[in-house]
PDB file of N, CA and C in Angstrom:
ATOM      1  N   MET A   1     103.133 102.516  44.473  1.00  0.00           N
ATOM      2  CA  MET A   1     103.147 101.210  44.600  1.00  0.00           C
ATOM      3  C   MET A   1     103.783 100.623  42.979  1.00  0.00           C
ATOM      4  N   ARG A   2     104.406  99.806  43.098  1.00  0.00           N
ATOM      5  CA  ARG A   2     104.898  99.047  42.197  1.00  0.00           C
ATOM      6  C   ARG A   2     104.048  97.772  41.657  1.00  0.00           C
ATOM      7  N   ILE A   3     103.617  97.923  39.958  1.00  0.00           N
ATOM      8  CA  ILE A   3     102.866  97.049  39.446  1.00  0.00           C
ATOM      9  C   ILE A   3     103.679  95.457  39.682  1.00  0.00           C
ATOM     10  N   ILE A   4     103.024  94.195  40.030  1.00  0.00           N
ATOM     11  CA  ILE A   4     103.703  92.900  40.183  1.00  0.00           C
ATOM     12  C   ILE A   4     103.012  92.327  38.899  1.00  0.00           C
ATOM     13  N   ARG A   5     103.828  91.801  38.153  1.00  0.00           N
ATOM     14  CA  ARG A   5     103.329  91.041  37.219  1.00  0.00           C
ATOM     15  C   ARG A   5     103.236  89.618  37.040  1.00  0.00           C
ATOM     16  N   ALA A   6     102.637  89.108  36.492  1.00  0.00           N
ATOM     17  CA  ALA A   6     102.524  87.607  36.642  1.00  0.00           C
ATOM     18  C   ALA A   6     103.797  86.512  36.204  1.00  0.00           C
ATOM     19  N   SER A   7     104.629  87.202  35.212  1.00  0.00           N
ATOM     20  CA  SER A   7     105.895  86.664  35.156  1.00  0.00           C
ATOM     21  C   SER A   7     106.933  87.039  36.115  1.00  0.00           C
ATOM     22  N   GLU A   8     106.734  87.845  36.899  1.00  0.00           N
ATOM     23  CA  GLU A   8     107.480  88.112  38.047  1.00  0.00           C
ATOM     24  C   GLU A   8     107.475  87.200  39.165  1.00  0.00           C
ATOM     25  N   ILE A   9     105.934  87.254  39.237  1.00  0.00           N
ATOM     26  CA  ILE A   9     105.299  86.075  40.333  1.00  0.00           C
ATOM     27  C   ILE A   9     105.819  84.739  39.980  1.00  0.00           C
ATOM     28  N   GLY A  10     105.897  84.560  38.662  1.00  0.00           N
ATOM     29  CA  GLY A  10     106.128  82.865  38.236  1.00  0.00           C
ATOM     30  C   GLY A  10     108.022  82.751  38.395  1.00  0.00           C
ATOM     31  N   SER A  11     108.175  83.736  38.059  1.00  0.00           N
ATOM     32  CA  SER A  11     109.769  83.803  38.405  1.00  0.00           C
ATOM     33  C   SER A  11     110.572  83.855  39.765  1.00  0.00           C
ATOM     34  N   TYR A  12     109.597  84.373  40.553  1.00  0.00           N
ATOM     35  CA  TYR A  12     109.938  84.141  42.137  1.00  0.00           C
ATOM     36  C   TYR A  12     109.696  82.719  42.199  1.00  0.00           C
ATOM     37  N   LEU A  13     108.552  82.417  42.100  1.00  0.00           N
ATOM     38  CA  LEU A  13     108.258  81.002  42.462  1.00  0.00           C
ATOM     39  C   LEU A  13     109.030  79.706  42.150  1.00  0.00           C
ATOM     40  N   TYR A  14     109.690  80.009  40.638  1.00  0.00           N
ATOM     41  CA  TYR A  14     110.443  78.910  40.096  1.00  0.00           C
ATOM     42  C   TYR A  14     111.818  79.026  41.120  1.00  0.00           C
ATOM     43  N   CYS A  15     112.327  80.313  41.092  1.00  0.00           N
ATOM     44  CA  CYS A  15     113.399  80.781  41.389  1.00  0.00           C
ATOM     45  C   CYS A  15     113.516  82.039  42.470  1.00  0.00           C
ATOM     46  N   ARG A  16     113.834  81.997  43.594  1.00  0.00           N
ATOM     47  CA  ARG A  16     113.914  83.070  44.001  1.00  0.00           C
ATOM     48  C   ARG A  16     115.396  83.969  43.865  1.00  0.00           C
ATOM     49  N   LYS A  17     116.307  83.297  43.461  1.00  0.00           N
ATOM     50  CA  LYS A  17     117.506  84.067  43.280  1.00  0.00           C
ATOM     51  C   LYS A  17     117.511  84.822  41.622  1.00  0.00           C
ATOM     52  N   ALA A  18     116.712  83.818  40.876  1.00  0.00           N
ATOM     53  CA  ALA A  18     116.532  84.593  39.302  1.00  0.00           C
ATOM     54  C   ALA A  18     115.675  85.589  39.662  1.00  0.00           C
ATOM     55  N   TRP A  19     114.574  85.533  40.656  1.00  0.00           N
ATOM     56  CA  TRP A  19     113.641  86.816  40.761  1.00  0.00           C
ATOM     57  C   TRP A  19     114.745  87.937  41.488  1.00  0.00           C
ATOM     58  N   LYS A  20     115.282  87.576  42.088  1.00  0.00           N
ATOM     59  CA  LYS A  20     116.436  88.736  42.644  1.00  0.00           C
ATOM     60  C   LYS A  20     117.211  89.316  41.580  1.00  0.00           C
ATOM     61  N   TYR A  21     117.894  88.633  40.847  1.00  0.00           N
ATOM     62  CA  TYR A  21     118.716  88.939  39.754  1.00  0.00           C
ATOM     63  C   TYR A  21     117.809  89.718  38.833  1.00  0.00           C
ATOM     64  N   GLN A  22     116.732  89.374  38.558  1.00  0.00           N
ATOM     65  CA  GLN A  22     116.011  90.103  37.528  1.00  0.00           C
ATOM     66  C   GLN A  22     115.708  91.666  38.194  1.00  0.00           C
ATOM     67  N   ARG A  23     115.343  91.871  39.334  1.00  0.00           N
ATOM     68  CA  ARG A  23     115.053  92.880  40.097  1.00  0.00           C
ATOM     69  C   ARG A  23     116.245  94.052  40.059  1.00  0.00           C
ATOM     70  N   GLN A  24     117.764  93.226  40.111  1.00  0.00           N
ATOM     71  CA  GLN A  24     118.601  94.111  40.127  1.00  0.00           C
ATOM     72  C   GLN A  24     118.963  94.627  38.921  1.00  0.00           C
ATOM     73  N   GLY A  25     118.533  93.832  37.878  1.00  0.00           N
ATOM     74  CA  GLY A  25     118.688  94.293  36.491  1.00  0.00           C
ATOM     75  C   GLY A  25     120.203  93.254  36.058  1.00  0.00           C
ATOM     76  N   VAL A  26     120.481  92.412  36.447  1.00  0.00           N
ATOM     77  CA  VAL A  26     121.454  91.503  36.215  1.00  0.00           C
ATOM     78  C   VAL A  26     121.184  90.783  34.830  1.00  0.00           C
ATOM     79  N   ALA A  27     122.094  90.869  33.836  1.00  0.00           N
ATOM     80  CA  ALA A  27     121.396  90.275  32.296  1.00  0.00           C
ATOM     81  C   ALA A  27     121.687  88.579  32.630  1.00  0.00           C
ATOM     82  N   SER A  28     120.931  88.470  31.935  1.00  0.00           N
ATOM     83  CA  SER A  28     120.784  86.745  31.132  1.00  0.00           C
ATOM     84  C   SER A  28     121.697  86.496  30.901  1.00  0.00           C
ATOM     85  N   GLU A  29     122.555  85.013  31.249  1.00  0.00           N
ATOM     86  CA  GLU A  29     123.577  84.345  30.492  1.00  0.00           C
ATOM     87  C   GLU A  29     122.892  83.428  28.897  1.00  0.00           C
ATOM     88  N   ASN A  30     121.866  83.220  29.542  1.00  0.00           N
ATOM     89  CA  ASN A  30     121.317  82.688  28.329  1.00  0.00           C
ATOM     90  C   ASN A  30     120.558  83.339  27.209  1.00  0.00           C
ATOM     91  N   THR A  31     120.535  84.352  26.792  1.00  0.00           N
ATOM     92  CA  THR A  31     120.282  84.964  25.947  1.00  0.00           C
ATOM     93  C   THR A  31     119.614  84.388  24.626  1.00  0.00           C
ATOM     94  N   ALA A  32     120.692  83.866  23.832  1.00  0.00           N
ATOM     95  CA  ALA A  32     120.178  83.038  22.774  1.00  0.00           C
ATOM     96  C   ALA A  32     119.080  82.107  23.480  1.00  0.00           C
ATOM     97  N   GLU A  33     118.852  81.197  24.235  1.00  0.00           N
ATOM     98  CA  GLU A  33     117.605  80.180  24.400  1.00  0.00           C
ATOM     99  C   GLU A  33     116.419  81.519  24.681  1.00  0.00           C
ATOM    100  N   LEU A  34     116.697  82.479  25.394  1.00  0.00           N
ATOM    101  CA  LEU A  34     115.509  83.378  25.638  1.00  0.00           C
ATOM    102  C   LEU A  34     115.020  83.983  24.185  1.00  0.00           C
ATOM    103  N   ALA A  35     115.950  84.484  23.262  1.00  0.00           N
ATOM    104  CA  ALA A  35     115.718  84.446  22.045  1.00  0.00           C
ATOM    105  C   ALA A  35     114.902  83.711  21.066  1.00  0.00           C
ATOM    106  N   ALA A  36     115.187  82.760  21.119  1.00  0.00           N
ATOM    107  CA  ALA A  36     114.615  81.153  20.627  1.00  0.00           C
ATOM    108  C   ALA A  36     113.524  81.076  21.192  1.00  0.00           C
ATOM    109  N   GLY A  37     112.969  81.117  22.327  1.00  0.00           N
ATOM    110  CA  GLY A  37     112.064  81.159  22.665  1.00  0.00           C
ATOM    111  C   GLY A  37     110.518  81.853  22.562  1.00  0.00           C
ATOM    112  N   SER A  38     111.181  83.254  22.454  1.00  0.00           N
ATOM    113  CA  SER A  38     110.500  84.035  21.938  1.00  0.00           C
ATOM    114  C   SER A  38     110.088  84.148  20.385  1.00  0.00           C
ATOM    115  N   GLN A  39     110.962  83.472  19.422  1.00  0.00           N
ATOM    116  CA  GLN A  39     110.658  83.148  18.193  1.00  0.00           C
ATOM    117  C   GLN A  39     109.957  82.167  18.448  1.00  0.00           C
ATOM    118  N   ILE A  40     109.625  81.354  18.844  1.00  0.00           N
ATOM    119  CA  ILE A  40     108.745  79.919  18.930  1.00  0.00           C
ATOM    120  C   ILE A  40     107.190  80.397  19.577  1.00  0.00           C
ATOM    121  N   HIS A  41     107.615  81.504  20.180  1.00  0.00           N
ATOM    122  CA  HIS A  41     106.023  82.162  20.806  1.00  0.00           C
ATOM    123  C   HIS A  41     105.178  82.798  19.583  1.00  0.00           C
ATOM    124  N   ARG A  42     106.490  83.664  18.887  1.00  0.00           N
ATOM    125  CA  ARG A  42     105.908  84.495  17.920  1.00  0.00           C
ATOM    126  C   ARG A  42     105.066  83.406  16.728  1.00  0.00           C
ATOM    127  N   GLU A  43     105.988  82.573  16.680  1.00  0.00           N
ATOM    128  CA  GLU A  43     105.462  81.242  15.264  1.00  0.00           C
ATOM    129  C   GLU A  43     104.104  80.736  16.113  1.00  0.00           C
ATOM    130  N   HIS A  44     103.959  80.405  17.055  1.00  0.00           N
ATOM    131  CA  HIS A  44     102.764  79.849  17.873  1.00  0.00           C
ATOM    132  C   HIS A  44     101.506  80.624  17.451  1.00  0.00           C
ATOM    133  N   GLY A  45     101.943  82.030  17.792  1.00  0.00           N
ATOM    134  CA  GLY A  45     100.886  83.203  17.922  1.00  0.00           C
ATOM    135  C   GLY A  45     100.202  83.446  16.655  1.00  0.00           C
ATOM    136  N   ARG A  46     101.058  83.488  15.623  1.00  0.00           N
ATOM    137  CA  ARG A  46     100.741  83.307  14.006  1.00  0.00           C
ATOM    138  C   ARG A  46      99.679  82.401  13.622  1.00  0.00           C
ATOM    139  N   ALA A  47     100.253  81.200  14.153  1.00  0.00           N
ATOM    140  CA  ALA A  47      99.702  79.813  14.107  1.00  0.00           C
ATOM    141  C   ALA A  47      98.010  79.654  14.605  1.00  0.00           C
ATOM    142  N   VAL A  48      98.079  80.356  15.659  1.00  0.00           N
ATOM    143  CA  VAL A  48      96.599  80.488  16.159  1.00  0.00           C
ATOM    144  C   VAL A  48      95.777  81.385  15.515  1.00  0.00           C
ATOM    145  N   MET A  49      96.814  82.833  15.087  1.00  0.00           N
ATOM    146  CA  MET A  49      95.463  83.450  14.397  1.00  0.00           C
ATOM    147  C   MET A  49      95.209  83.123  12.842  1.00  0.00           C
ATOM    148  N   SER A  50      96.479  82.226  12.171  1.00  0.00           N
ATOM    149  CA  SER A  50      95.806  81.732  11.160  1.00  0.00           C
ATOM    150  C   SER A  50      94.297  80.885  11.294  1.00  0.00           C
ATOM    151  N   ALA A  51      94.670  79.971  12.222  1.00  0.00           N
ATOM    152  CA  ALA A  51      93.663  78.900  12.637  1.00  0.00           C
ATOM    153  C   ALA A  51      92.584  79.613  12.737  1.00  0.00           C
ATOM    154  N   GLY A  52      92.662  80.642  13.406  1.00  0.00           N
ATOM    155  CA  GLY A  52      91.099  81.595  13.970  1.00  0.00           C
ATOM    156  C   GLY A  52      90.716  82.418  12.458  1.00  0.00           C
ATOM    157  N   CYS A  53      91.526  82.738  11.763  1.00  0.00           N
ATOM    158  CA  CYS A  53      90.921  83.246  10.148  1.00  0.00           C
ATOM    159  C   CYS A  53      90.346  82.042   9.505  1.00  0.00           C
ATOM    160  N   LEU A  54      90.836  81.158   9.382  1.00  0.00           N
ATOM    161  CA  LEU A  54      90.488  79.862   8.784  1.00  0.00           C
ATOM    162  C   LEU A  54      89.153  79.263   9.440  1.00  0.00           C
ATOM    163  N   ARG A  55      88.912  79.418  10.492  1.00  0.00           N
ATOM    164  CA  ARG A  55      87.577  78.814  11.047  1.00  0.00           C
ATOM    165  C   ARG A  55      86.632  79.795  10.987  1.00  0.00           C
ATOM    166  N   ILE A  56      86.719  81.007  10.794  1.00  0.00           N
ATOM    167  CA  ILE A  56      85.891  82.434  10.343  1.00  0.00           C
ATOM    168  C   ILE A  56      85.380  81.932   8.814  1.00  0.00           C
ATOM    169  N   ALA A  57      86.469  81.612   8.018  1.00  0.00           N
ATOM    170  CA  ALA A  57      86.589  81.750   6.857  1.00  0.00           C
ATOM    171  C   ALA A  57      85.250  80.165   6.408  1.00  0.00           C
ATOM    172  N   ALA A  58      85.651  79.499   7.300  1.00  0.00           N
ATOM    173  CA  ALA A  58      84.837  77.836   7.090  1.00  0.00           C
ATOM    174  C   ALA A  58      83.331  78.444   7.514  1.00  0.00           C
ATOM    175  N   ALA A  59      83.049  79.362   8.569  1.00  0.00           N
ATOM    176  CA  ALA A  59      81.695  79.320   8.906  1.00  0.00           C
ATOM    177  C   ALA A  59      81.031  80.206   7.774  1.00  0.00           C
ATOM    178  N   VAL A  60      81.982  81.144   7.450  1.00  0.00           N
ATOM    179  CA  VAL A  60      81.301  81.959   6.294  1.00  0.00           C
ATOM    180  C   VAL A  60      80.825  80.998   5.132  1.00  0.00           C
ATOM    181  N   LEU A  61      81.643  80.063   4.546  1.00  0.00           N
ATOM    182  CA  LEU A  61      81.434  79.390   3.704  1.00  0.00           C
ATOM    183  C   LEU A  61      80.458  78.476   3.743  1.00  0.00           C
ATOM    184  N   LEU A  62      80.514  77.797   5.006  1.00  0.00           N
ATOM    185  CA  LEU A  62      79.398  76.733   5.398  1.00  0.00           C
ATOM    186  C   LEU A  62      77.886  77.779   5.478  1.00  0.00           C
ATOM    187  N   LEU A  63      77.924  78.580   5.567  1.00  0.00           N
ATOM    188  CA  LEU A  63      76.410  79.720   5.804  1.00  0.00           C
ATOM    189  C   LEU A  63      76.074  79.750   4.391  1.00  0.00           C
ATOM    190  N   ALA A  64      77.186  80.488   3.545  1.00  0.00           N
ATOM    191  CA  ALA A  64      76.823  80.434   2.178  1.00  0.00           C
ATOM    192  C   ALA A  64      76.237  79.020   1.353  1.00  0.00           C
ATOM    193  N   ALA A  65      76.785  78.112   1.729  1.00  0.00           N
ATOM    194  CA  ALA A  65      76.251  76.761   1.188  1.00  0.00           C
ATOM    195  C   ALA A  65      75.057  76.761   1.785  1.00  0.00           C
ATOM    196  N   ILE A  66      74.659  76.768   2.891  1.00  0.00           N
ATOM    197  CA  ILE A  66      73.297  77.065   3.197  1.00  0.00           C
ATOM    198  C   ILE A  66      72.198  77.708   2.879  1.00  0.00           C
ATOM    199  N   VAL A  67      72.911  79.033   2.389  1.00  0.00           N
ATOM    200  CA  VAL A  67      71.892  79.918   2.055  1.00  0.00           C
ATOM    201  C   VAL A  67      71.305  79.520   0.418  1.00  0.00           C
ATOM    202  N   LEU A  68      72.187  79.272  -0.075  1.00  0.00           N
ATOM    203  CA  LEU A  68      72.295  78.534  -1.700  1.00  0.00           C
ATOM    204  C   LEU A  68      71.449  77.236  -1.940  1.00  0.00           C
ATOM    205  N   LEU A  69      71.383  76.535  -0.913  1.00  0.00           N
ATOM    206  CA  LEU A  69      70.827  75.160  -0.732  1.00  0.00           C
ATOM    207  C   LEU A  69      69.273  75.389  -0.609  1.00  0.00           C
ATOM    208  N   ILE A  70      69.215  76.372   0.457  1.00  0.00           N
ATOM    209  CA  ILE A  70      67.660  76.824   0.670  1.00  0.00           C
ATOM    210  C   ILE A  70      67.079  77.610  -0.600  1.00  0.00           C
ATOM    211  N   TRP A  71      67.792  78.620  -1.231  1.00  0.00           N
ATOM    212  CA  TRP A  71      67.912  79.078  -2.242  1.00  0.00           C
ATOM    213  C   TRP A  71      67.333  78.095  -3.812  1.00  0.00           C
ATOM    214  N   ASN A  72      68.012  77.346  -3.586  1.00  0.00           N
ATOM    215  CA  ASN A  72      67.889  76.250  -4.686  1.00  0.00           C
ATOM    216  C   ASN A  72      66.605  75.345  -4.392  1.00  0.00           C
ATOM    217  N   PHE A  73      66.065  74.880  -3.199  1.00  0.00           N
ATOM    218  CA  PHE A  73      64.985  74.460  -3.072  1.00  0.00           C
ATOM    219  C   PHE A  73      63.975  75.070  -3.320  1.00  0.00           C
ATOM    220  N   GLY A  74      63.691  76.528  -2.926  1.00  0.00           N
ATOM    221  CA  GLY A  74      62.949  77.345  -2.786  1.00  0.00           C
ATOM    222  C   GLY A  74      62.471  77.646  -4.696  1.00  0.00           C
ATOM    223  N   ALA A  75      63.544  77.599  -5.044  1.00  0.00           N
ATOM    224  CA  ALA A  75      63.351  78.114  -6.805  1.00  0.00           C
ATOM    225  C   ALA A  75      62.778  76.555  -7.660  1.00  0.00           C
ATOM    226  N   GLN A  76      63.175  75.336  -6.644  1.00  0.00           N
ATOM    227  CA  GLN A  76      62.408  74.339  -7.488  1.00  0.00           C
ATOM    228  C   GLN A  76      60.953  74.091  -6.996  1.00  0.00           C
ATOM    229  N   ILE A  77      60.548  74.461  -6.184  1.00  0.00           N
ATOM    230  CA  ILE A  77      59.314  74.495  -5.411  1.00  0.00           C
ATOM    231  C   ILE A  77      58.225  75.403  -6.321  1.00  0.00           C
ATOM    232  N   LEU A  78      58.925  76.422  -6.469  1.00  0.00           N
ATOM    233  CA  LEU A  78      58.209  77.585  -7.309  1.00  0.00           C
ATOM    234  C   LEU A  78      58.345  77.072  -8.519  1.00  0.00           C
TER     235      LEU A  78
END
């Protein structure tokens, strides 16, 4: 049994002819646009990854600031 992917279902729902051509292995005529779209997706993926790393760094710095604040108050009391 052949595995059906979500992109194939999307292709079928969008245009049955496109789906049929894709199954037959007919090359797309808009390869430049497809390549540009792939590049945009890669850049977006990098931006999302960068934002996630910055979020983790911010959480670590916030935790360090809280620990230092508690340590400072503890040192003043003693």
